[in-house]
């Protein structure tokens, strides 16, 4: 049964302990053994799921109890895990770290409890020996509802170091399921917003994932890890898989001219931030979803009735995006026609008049630039203006993550009013355009996709 899919959560005491290396390596090692592996990531992060997808050949999916609500965590997990032999969930930050000031909300521990999944704790042992026993004991005993099924000791320096660590772990009754030595070849480059996405690294990313898989296969007891996953049993709560929408019983929606209703979604190296559920919801609402690359394509897909430009790194590719003048003009013409355009973060920058002094699409009378200030955190928001995405008054939770600034920060008709952690308005609603820094997860409010497709049909 789908609800009994074997599953593990890979967690750590803190960020930087090696969660991504272990989780991605484990996914790839199990896939190499012929298992269908379902990859998941706790939290809003877009980059790690790209490495997970490369490791498994399946879409990496997020499980975020803040963005989607606790009631959707298990259904979204089951949706992603359909037809899989095992699921591996990479945690976020430290095991018990979640949304600031919200207790356990959106923490790895909360997701593990919602899934009834055993936790494997990845411990950076590079600067400790017997003290690892106190650390593991603390994490095991902090919340009795979280089942820590074993530890993987990372960055172990020598055989003697390993022996001391194993002895310490045995003293608290937690099995050691893996020992990984220091290995520079599995490191992944970072920049101003974290790891460099898979789409930008090409063969380097493939080689990094292969190195992670070899490290985990050599240093971990894969049989014991699979056995722990299989002992998880059915998910608590009797949930069913999340449905993006009713099964189609008719042809895709069509425009007034009779052609298929086509929604273009920006992709490529500059626009890598998106949740798989967004395109699934658009398709379920009757749209034909077509991906295009603003770095390479000089035209929008033929018959485009609506445009979605998600997050990514336009600041890194500003010169190339600016140089593609034919596409910038096509985007501006589409927006000026009143067609629905949904832009998040990177998409907002792309629609501005300029980015770091380089011409962009000019849809919005605003200027964007790189900033020294990191804006990061969950947001509780309400739609201020009626738009192609949401009616005024619609509440959604979102996430901001950027080192850029847009001036002005809001238009005459703002997109969102932030309720927490601070009160302010943000973003732009103009004609059919909805542009904002706020990343949202449409599974929490499926009506936004249906509304967007309907506006595509009638605009």
Protein backbone atom coordinates (compact mmCIF):
# COMPACT_ATOMS: atom_id res chain seq x y z
CA UNK A 1 0.00 0.00 0.00
CA UNK A 2 1.15 3.54 -0.71
CA UNK A 3 0.53 4.58 2.90
CA UNK A 4 3.10 2.00 4.05
CA UNK A 5 5.91 3.19 1.79
CA UNK A 6 9.29 2.58 3.48
CA UNK A 7 10.78 5.93 4.53
CA UNK A 8 13.63 7.63 6.34
CA UNK A 9 14.29 11.19 7.43
CA UNK A 10 17.92 12.34 7.25
CA UNK A 11 18.46 15.00 9.92
CA UNK A 12 21.33 16.64 11.79
CA UNK A 13 22.04 18.63 14.95
CA UNK A 14 22.74 21.74 12.85
CA UNK A 15 23.24 23.05 9.35
CA UNK A 16 26.59 22.16 7.80
CA UNK A 17 26.70 18.67 9.31
CA UNK A 18 26.42 16.89 5.95
CA UNK A 19 22.68 16.26 5.52
CA UNK A 20 22.65 17.03 1.80
CA UNK A 21 25.69 14.86 1.12
CA UNK A 22 24.24 11.91 3.02
CA UNK A 23 20.66 12.27 1.79
CA UNK A 24 21.65 12.75 -1.86
CA UNK A 25 24.27 10.04 -1.69
CA UNK A 26 21.84 7.61 -0.08
CA UNK A 27 19.18 8.36 -2.72
CA UNK A 28 21.68 7.74 -5.51
CA UNK A 29 23.14 4.62 -3.90
CA UNK A 30 19.69 3.07 -3.44
CA UNK A 31 18.66 4.02 -6.98
CA UNK A 32 21.83 2.34 -8.27
CA UNK A 33 20.63 -0.85 -6.56
CA UNK A 34 17.48 -0.75 -8.64
CA UNK A 35 15.12 0.78 -6.10
CA UNK A 36 12.60 3.44 -7.12
CA UNK A 37 13.47 6.23 -4.68
CA UNK A 38 11.09 9.09 -3.85
CA UNK A 39 13.11 12.23 -2.90
CA UNK A 40 11.79 14.87 -0.52
CA UNK A 41 13.10 17.99 1.24
CA UNK A 42 11.77 19.57 4.43
CA UNK A 43 11.23 23.31 4.08
CA UNK A 44 10.99 25.75 1.19
CA UNK A 45 14.45 25.13 -0.33
CA UNK A 46 14.52 24.81 -4.13
CA UNK A 47 18.18 23.87 -4.66
CA UNK A 48 18.57 20.57 -2.77
CA UNK A 49 15.61 18.97 -4.60
CA UNK A 50 17.51 19.52 -7.85
CA UNK A 51 20.34 17.32 -6.57
CA UNK A 52 17.77 14.81 -5.30
CA UNK A 53 16.19 14.64 -8.75
CA UNK A 54 19.59 14.04 -10.34
CA UNK A 55 20.23 11.23 -7.83
CA UNK A 56 16.91 9.45 -8.32
CA UNK A 57 15.56 10.36 -11.75
CA UNK A 58 12.36 11.56 -10.08
CA UNK A 59 11.07 15.03 -9.24
CA UNK A 60 12.37 16.36 -5.93
CA UNK A 61 9.48 17.54 -3.76
CA UNK A 62 9.21 19.81 -0.74
CA UNK A 63 7.37 19.12 2.50
CA UNK A 64 6.74 22.43 4.26
CA UNK A 65 4.31 22.53 7.16
CA UNK A 66 4.38 26.34 7.28
CA UNK A 67 3.67 26.99 3.59
CA UNK A 68 1.14 24.18 3.13
CA UNK A 69 -0.14 23.43 6.64
CA UNK A 70 0.46 20.31 8.70
CA UNK A 71 -2.57 18.60 7.16
CA UNK A 72 -0.96 18.53 3.69
CA UNK A 73 2.45 17.12 4.63
CA UNK A 74 1.42 13.45 4.50
CA UNK A 75 -0.80 13.78 1.39
CA UNK A 76 1.96 15.60 -0.53
CA UNK A 77 4.45 12.97 0.58
CA UNK A 78 2.18 10.17 -0.62
CA UNK A 79 1.60 11.97 -3.92
CA UNK A 80 5.33 12.07 -4.57
CA UNK A 81 5.94 8.53 -3.35
CA UNK A 82 3.43 6.81 -5.66
CA UNK A 83 4.97 3.68 -7.17
CA UNK A 84 8.21 3.97 -5.19
CA UNK A 85 10.08 1.33 -3.20
CA UNK A 86 11.46 3.74 -0.61
CA UNK A 87 11.36 7.45 0.25
CA UNK A 88 14.24 9.53 1.61
CA UNK A 89 13.44 12.89 3.23
CA UNK A 90 16.24 15.40 3.76
CA UNK A 91 15.69 17.63 6.76
CA UNK A 92 16.29 21.36 7.18
CA UNK A 93 18.69 23.11 9.59
CA UNK A 94 18.91 21.30 12.94
CA UNK A 95 16.44 18.53 13.74
CA UNK A 96 14.31 20.69 16.05
CA UNK A 97 14.69 24.04 14.24
CA UNK A 98 11.57 25.42 12.55
CA UNK A 99 9.78 28.67 11.78
CA UNK A 100 11.09 31.43 14.06
CA UNK A 101 8.89 31.91 17.11
CA UNK A 102 6.52 29.09 16.09
CA UNK A 103 7.79 26.21 18.25
CA UNK A 104 8.24 23.01 16.25
CA UNK A 105 6.27 24.27 13.24
CA UNK A 106 8.02 23.43 9.94
CA UNK A 107 10.87 21.64 11.69
CA UNK A 108 12.33 18.34 10.54
CA UNK A 109 11.15 16.80 13.81
CA UNK A 110 7.56 17.83 13.15
CA UNK A 111 7.61 16.43 9.61
CA UNK A 112 9.13 13.16 10.88
CA UNK A 113 6.26 12.85 13.37
CA UNK A 114 3.62 13.69 10.78
CA UNK A 115 5.04 10.96 8.54
CA UNK A 116 5.71 8.47 11.33
CA UNK A 117 9.21 8.17 9.88
CA UNK A 118 12.39 7.08 11.67
CA UNK A 119 15.18 9.64 11.80
CA UNK A 120 18.83 9.05 10.96
CA UNK A 121 21.01 11.69 12.61
CA UNK A 122 24.06 12.88 10.67
CA UNK A 123 26.70 14.08 13.14
CA UNK A 124 29.75 16.11 12.18
CA UNK A 125 32.30 14.29 14.33
CA UNK A 126 35.36 16.18 13.11
CA UNK A 127 36.06 17.91 16.43
CA UNK A 128 34.75 15.49 19.03
CA UNK A 129 35.04 11.95 20.34
CA UNK A 130 33.30 10.81 23.53
CA UNK A 131 31.24 14.03 23.59
CA UNK A 132 29.25 12.65 20.67
CA UNK A 133 27.41 10.45 23.22
CA UNK A 134 26.08 13.50 25.07
CA UNK A 135 25.05 15.17 21.83
CA UNK A 136 23.20 12.11 20.49
CA UNK A 137 21.59 11.42 23.87
CA UNK A 138 20.24 14.96 23.96
CA UNK A 139 18.69 14.73 20.52
CA UNK A 140 17.21 11.29 21.21
CA UNK A 141 15.65 12.26 24.53
CA UNK A 142 14.45 15.81 23.72
CA UNK A 143 11.17 14.68 22.12
CA UNK A 144 10.14 11.07 22.82
CA UNK A 145 7.76 11.18 19.83
CA UNK A 146 10.73 11.53 17.46
CA UNK A 147 12.28 8.14 16.82
CA UNK A 148 16.00 8.40 16.15
CA UNK A 149 16.82 5.02 14.61
CA UNK A 150 20.55 5.49 14.17
CA UNK A 151 23.42 7.85 13.48
CA UNK A 152 25.81 8.42 10.61
CA UNK A 153 29.14 9.81 11.75
CA UNK A 154 30.51 12.29 9.23
CA UNK A 155 34.02 13.70 8.70
CA UNK A 156 35.73 10.97 10.72
CA UNK A 157 39.50 11.38 10.67
CA UNK A 158 41.01 7.94 11.36
CA UNK A 159 40.37 4.37 12.48
CA UNK A 160 41.18 5.35 16.08
CA UNK A 161 38.74 8.27 15.86
CA UNK A 162 36.07 5.93 14.52
CA UNK A 163 36.59 3.45 17.36
CA UNK A 164 36.17 6.18 19.99
CA UNK A 165 33.01 7.46 18.29
CA UNK A 166 31.47 3.99 18.00
CA UNK A 167 32.16 3.29 21.66
CA UNK A 168 30.50 6.56 22.64
CA UNK A 169 27.43 5.90 20.47
CA UNK A 170 27.06 2.37 21.83
CA UNK A 171 26.93 3.82 25.35
CA UNK A 172 23.64 5.59 24.55
CA UNK A 173 22.11 2.65 22.68
CA UNK A 174 21.91 4.28 19.26
CA UNK A 175 23.30 2.15 16.41
CA UNK A 176 25.94 3.57 14.09
CA UNK A 177 24.60 3.06 10.56
CA UNK A 178 27.48 4.68 8.77
CA UNK A 179 30.92 6.23 9.11
CA UNK A 180 32.07 8.70 6.46
CA UNK A 181 35.63 9.94 6.15
CA UNK A 182 36.49 13.43 5.07
CA UNK A 183 36.11 13.68 1.28
CA UNK A 184 36.64 16.91 -0.62
CA UNK A 185 35.36 15.49 -3.92
CA UNK A 186 31.76 15.48 -2.68
CA UNK A 187 31.68 19.19 -1.84
CA UNK A 188 29.36 21.42 -3.83
CA UNK A 189 30.12 25.10 -4.54
CA UNK A 190 28.11 27.82 -2.84
CA UNK A 191 27.45 31.51 -3.43
CA UNK A 192 25.21 34.29 -2.06
CA UNK A 193 22.04 32.14 -1.66
CA UNK A 194 23.54 28.72 -0.92
CA UNK A 195 24.52 25.84 -3.19
CA UNK A 196 24.87 26.41 -6.93
CA UNK A 197 21.85 24.73 -8.60
CA UNK A 198 22.22 21.55 -10.64
CA UNK A 199 21.07 23.29 -13.84
CA UNK A 200 24.13 25.55 -13.73
CA UNK A 201 26.77 22.86 -13.13
CA UNK A 202 26.11 20.27 -15.85
CA UNK A 203 28.53 17.34 -15.71
CA UNK A 204 30.09 18.68 -12.51
CA UNK A 205 26.80 18.11 -10.71
CA UNK A 206 26.56 14.57 -12.10
CA UNK A 207 30.09 13.82 -10.90
CA UNK A 208 29.37 15.30 -7.46
CA UNK A 209 26.26 13.13 -7.03
CA UNK A 210 28.20 10.05 -8.16
CA UNK A 211 30.87 10.85 -5.56
CA UNK A 212 28.22 11.24 -2.86
CA UNK A 213 26.71 7.87 -3.82
CA UNK A 214 30.11 6.15 -3.68
CA UNK A 215 30.89 7.71 -0.29
CA UNK A 216 27.58 6.59 1.21
CA UNK A 217 27.68 3.12 -0.37
CA UNK A 218 31.20 2.54 0.97
CA UNK A 219 30.64 4.00 4.43
CA UNK A 220 27.05 3.15 5.32
CA UNK A 221 25.16 -0.05 6.05
CA UNK A 222 22.61 0.22 3.25
CA UNK A 223 20.82 -2.97 4.29
CA UNK A 224 20.33 -1.64 7.82
CA UNK A 225 19.08 1.71 6.48
CA UNK A 226 16.59 -0.01 4.17
CA UNK A 227 15.50 -2.25 7.03
CA UNK A 228 14.90 0.77 9.26
CA UNK A 229 12.84 2.41 6.49
CA UNK A 230 10.75 -0.71 5.98
CA UNK A 231 9.97 -0.90 9.69
CA UNK A 232 8.21 2.48 9.57
CA UNK A 233 4.79 0.94 8.86
CA UNK A 234 1.69 2.82 7.61
CA UNK A 235 1.60 6.60 7.89
CA UNK A 236 -0.43 7.89 10.84
CA UNK A 237 -3.80 9.47 10.16
CA UNK A 238 -5.06 7.41 7.23
CA UNK A 239 -4.26 10.10 4.65
CA UNK A 240 -4.71 9.67 0.91
CA UNK A 241 -2.31 11.07 -1.72
CA UNK A 242 -2.79 14.74 -2.57
CA UNK A 243 -4.66 15.24 -5.86
CA UNK A 244 -3.67 18.21 -8.07
CA UNK A 245 -7.22 18.14 -9.42
CA UNK A 246 -9.90 15.85 -10.81
CA UNK A 247 -8.80 13.47 -13.52
CA UNK A 248 -9.37 15.11 -16.92
CA UNK A 249 -12.57 13.90 -18.59
CA UNK A 250 -12.33 16.29 -21.52
CA UNK A 251 -9.80 17.93 -23.80
CA UNK A 252 -7.53 20.61 -22.33
CA UNK A 253 -9.04 24.07 -21.95
CA UNK A 254 -9.06 26.14 -25.11
CA UNK A 255 -8.82 29.82 -25.82
CA UNK A 256 -11.61 31.74 -27.45
CA UNK A 257 -9.87 31.05 -30.78
CA UNK A 258 -10.16 27.31 -30.26
CA UNK A 259 -6.45 26.58 -29.78
CA UNK A 260 -5.13 24.74 -26.68
CA UNK A 261 -4.74 27.06 -23.70
CA UNK A 262 -0.98 27.30 -23.39
CA UNK A 263 0.81 28.55 -20.26
CA UNK A 264 4.52 29.24 -20.70
CA UNK A 265 6.75 28.57 -17.67
CA UNK A 266 10.26 30.03 -17.51
CA UNK A 267 13.05 27.51 -16.93
CA UNK A 268 16.73 27.12 -17.72
CA UNK A 269 19.69 28.07 -15.57
CA UNK A 270 18.35 31.52 -14.62
CA UNK A 271 14.95 30.33 -13.37
CA UNK A 272 15.39 27.08 -11.46
CA UNK A 273 13.12 27.76 -8.47
CA UNK A 274 9.73 26.14 -8.83
CA UNK A 275 7.58 23.55 -7.10
CA UNK A 276 6.47 20.60 -9.22
CA UNK A 277 2.94 20.92 -7.88
CA UNK A 278 2.51 24.29 -9.62
CA UNK A 279 2.73 22.87 -13.13
CA UNK A 280 0.64 19.89 -12.04
CA UNK A 281 -2.09 22.23 -10.80
CA UNK A 282 -1.98 24.27 -14.02
CA UNK A 283 -2.30 21.09 -16.06
CA UNK A 284 -5.13 19.83 -13.85
CA UNK A 285 -6.93 23.13 -14.45
CA UNK A 286 -6.79 22.42 -18.17
CA UNK A 287 -3.68 24.28 -19.34
CA UNK A 288 -1.04 22.97 -21.68
CA UNK A 289 2.18 23.80 -19.82
CA UNK A 290 5.23 24.56 -21.98
CA UNK A 291 8.69 25.36 -20.57
CA UNK A 292 11.00 27.86 -22.23
CA UNK A 293 14.49 29.21 -21.44
CA UNK A 294 14.83 33.03 -21.30
CA UNK A 295 18.59 32.65 -21.79
CA UNK A 296 18.22 30.85 -25.12
CA UNK A 297 14.75 31.27 -26.60
CA UNK A 298 14.07 34.48 -28.51
CA UNK A 299 10.32 33.94 -28.62
CA UNK A 300 7.65 32.80 -26.21
CA UNK A 301 6.09 29.44 -27.09
CA UNK A 302 3.60 29.84 -29.90
CA UNK A 303 0.08 30.56 -28.66
CA UNK A 304 1.15 31.57 -25.14
CA UNK A 305 -1.95 32.75 -23.25
CA UNK A 306 -0.32 33.14 -19.84
CA UNK A 307 3.18 33.33 -18.37
CA UNK A 308 4.71 32.05 -15.13
CA UNK A 309 8.21 33.25 -14.20
CA UNK A 310 9.36 31.76 -10.91
CA UNK A 311 12.48 32.16 -8.81
CA UNK A 312 16.13 31.70 -9.58
CA UNK A 313 19.23 33.77 -10.22
CA UNK A 314 18.62 36.48 -12.82
CA UNK A 315 21.26 38.58 -11.05
CA UNK A 316 23.88 36.01 -12.08
CA UNK A 317 22.67 36.02 -15.69
CA UNK A 318 21.63 39.66 -15.98
CA UNK A 319 23.89 40.34 -18.98
CA UNK A 320 22.59 37.33 -20.92
CA UNK A 321 18.97 38.05 -20.08
CA UNK A 322 19.38 41.67 -21.10
CA UNK A 323 21.09 40.67 -24.36
CA UNK A 324 18.05 38.59 -25.37
CA UNK A 325 16.14 41.66 -26.49
CA UNK A 326 13.63 39.82 -28.72
CA UNK A 327 12.33 37.78 -25.80
CA UNK A 328 12.24 40.79 -23.47
CA UNK A 329 10.06 42.58 -26.01
CA UNK A 330 7.82 39.52 -26.41
CA UNK A 331 7.29 39.33 -22.64
CA UNK A 332 6.50 43.04 -22.47
CA UNK A 333 4.01 42.77 -25.34
CA UNK A 334 2.27 39.82 -23.69
CA UNK A 335 2.00 41.68 -20.37
CA UNK A 336 0.78 44.87 -22.02
CA UNK A 337 -1.93 42.88 -23.81
CA UNK A 338 -3.45 42.06 -20.42
CA UNK A 339 -2.54 38.37 -20.48
CA UNK A 340 -2.03 36.83 -17.02
CA UNK A 341 1.59 36.90 -15.83
CA UNK A 342 2.65 35.45 -12.46
CA UNK A 343 6.16 36.38 -11.34
CA UNK A 344 7.92 35.43 -8.11
CA UNK A 345 11.21 36.90 -6.88
CA UNK A 346 13.48 36.31 -9.90
CA UNK A 347 10.45 36.81 -12.11
CA UNK A 348 9.82 40.15 -10.42
CA UNK A 349 13.37 41.27 -11.22
CA UNK A 350 13.02 40.15 -14.82
CA UNK A 351 9.87 42.23 -15.27
CA UNK A 352 11.51 45.39 -13.89
CA UNK A 353 12.82 48.24 -16.02
CA UNK A 354 16.42 47.31 -15.20
CA UNK A 355 18.55 45.00 -13.05
CA UNK A 356 21.92 46.37 -11.89
CA UNK A 357 21.71 48.95 -14.65
CA UNK A 358 21.00 46.43 -17.43
CA UNK A 359 17.69 46.64 -19.33
CA UNK A 360 15.10 44.00 -18.46
CA UNK A 361 11.53 43.59 -19.75
CA UNK A 362 10.25 46.98 -18.63
CA UNK A 363 6.84 45.66 -17.68
CA UNK A 364 7.08 47.31 -14.26
CA UNK A 365 8.23 50.86 -13.65
CA UNK A 366 10.73 49.72 -11.05
CA UNK A 367 14.47 49.21 -10.78
CA UNK A 368 16.21 46.18 -9.24
CA UNK A 369 19.72 45.84 -7.87
CA UNK A 370 21.89 43.51 -5.85
CA UNK A 371 21.99 44.24 -2.12
CA UNK A 372 24.27 43.38 0.78
CA UNK A 373 21.22 42.55 2.91
CA UNK A 374 19.86 39.02 2.98
CA UNK A 375 16.07 38.92 3.21
CA UNK A 376 15.06 35.51 4.51
CA UNK A 377 12.08 34.05 6.30
CA UNK A 378 8.50 32.87 6.30
CA UNK A 379 5.72 35.37 5.74
CA UNK A 380 2.01 35.44 6.59
CA UNK A 381 0.40 37.40 3.75
CA UNK A 382 -2.98 38.54 2.43
CA UNK A 383 -3.77 39.55 -1.15
CA UNK A 384 -4.30 43.32 -1.22
CA UNK A 385 -5.54 43.65 -4.80
CA UNK A 386 -7.63 41.47 -7.08
CA UNK A 387 -5.30 39.76 -9.54
CA UNK A 388 -5.01 36.87 -11.97
CA UNK A 389 -3.82 34.74 -9.06
CA UNK A 390 -6.01 35.65 -6.12
CA UNK A 391 -9.00 37.69 -5.07
CA UNK A 392 -8.34 40.47 -2.60
CA UNK A 393 -8.47 39.09 0.92
CA UNK A 394 -7.02 35.69 0.05
CA UNK A 395 -4.61 34.58 2.77
CA UNK A 396 -1.49 32.64 1.90
CA UNK A 397 1.76 31.85 3.61
CA UNK A 398 5.00 32.36 1.74
CA UNK A 399 8.75 32.62 1.95
CA UNK A 400 11.26 35.31 1.01
CA UNK A 401 14.89 34.53 0.13
CA UNK A 402 16.94 37.11 -1.79
CA UNK A 403 19.85 39.54 -1.74
CA UNK A 404 18.29 42.06 -4.08
CA UNK A 405 16.13 45.15 -3.69
CA UNK A 406 13.43 46.66 -5.91
CA UNK A 407 12.59 50.35 -5.90
CA UNK A 408 9.77 51.08 -5.38
CA UNK A 409 8.95 47.97 -3.38
CA UNK A 410 5.23 48.14 -4.19
CA UNK A 411 3.04 49.54 -6.92
CA UNK A 412 -0.15 51.56 -6.74
CA UNK A 413 -1.96 48.24 -6.40
CA UNK A 414 0.30 46.06 -4.20
CA UNK A 415 0.28 42.29 -4.52
CA UNK A 416 0.52 41.33 -0.84
CA UNK A 417 0.08 42.80 2.59
CA UNK A 418 2.45 41.12 5.03
CA UNK A 419 0.85 40.28 8.35
CA UNK A 420 3.93 38.78 9.99
CA UNK A 421 6.65 39.17 11.04
CA UNK A 422 6.16 42.82 10.06
CA UNK A 423 3.29 44.77 8.55
CA UNK A 424 3.99 46.16 5.07
CA UNK A 425 2.76 45.99 1.49
CA UNK A 426 4.81 44.50 -1.31
CA UNK A 427 4.69 43.66 -5.01
CA UNK A 428 2.75 44.81 -8.04
CA UNK A 429 -0.63 44.10 -9.62
CA UNK A 430 -0.94 45.78 -13.02
CA UNK A 431 -3.23 44.67 -15.87
CA UNK A 432 -2.84 40.84 -15.77
CA UNK A 433 0.51 40.95 -13.95
CA UNK A 434 1.03 39.69 -10.41
CA UNK A 435 4.68 40.24 -9.42
CA UNK A 436 6.16 39.85 -5.95
CA UNK A 437 9.17 38.69 -3.97
CA UNK A 438 6.97 36.20 -2.12
CA UNK A 439 7.40 32.51 -2.97
CA UNK A 440 4.16 30.60 -2.37
CA UNK A 441 3.20 26.94 -2.61
CA UNK A 442 0.02 26.68 -4.64
CA UNK A 443 -0.96 23.33 -3.15
CA UNK A 444 -2.01 25.29 -0.06
CA UNK A 445 -4.54 27.24 -2.15
CA UNK A 446 -5.26 25.30 -5.39
CA UNK A 447 -7.76 27.94 -6.44
CA UNK A 448 -4.92 30.23 -7.55
CA UNK A 449 -4.02 27.88 -10.42
CA UNK A 450 -7.64 27.47 -11.48
CA UNK A 451 -8.15 31.23 -11.34
CA UNK A 452 -4.99 31.83 -13.38
CA UNK A 453 -6.02 29.38 -16.11
CA UNK A 454 -9.52 30.85 -16.26
CA UNK A 455 -8.05 34.34 -16.66
CA UNK A 456 -5.86 32.96 -19.48
CA UNK A 457 -9.02 31.75 -21.21
CA UNK A 458 -10.91 35.01 -20.88
CA UNK A 459 -8.19 37.65 -21.24
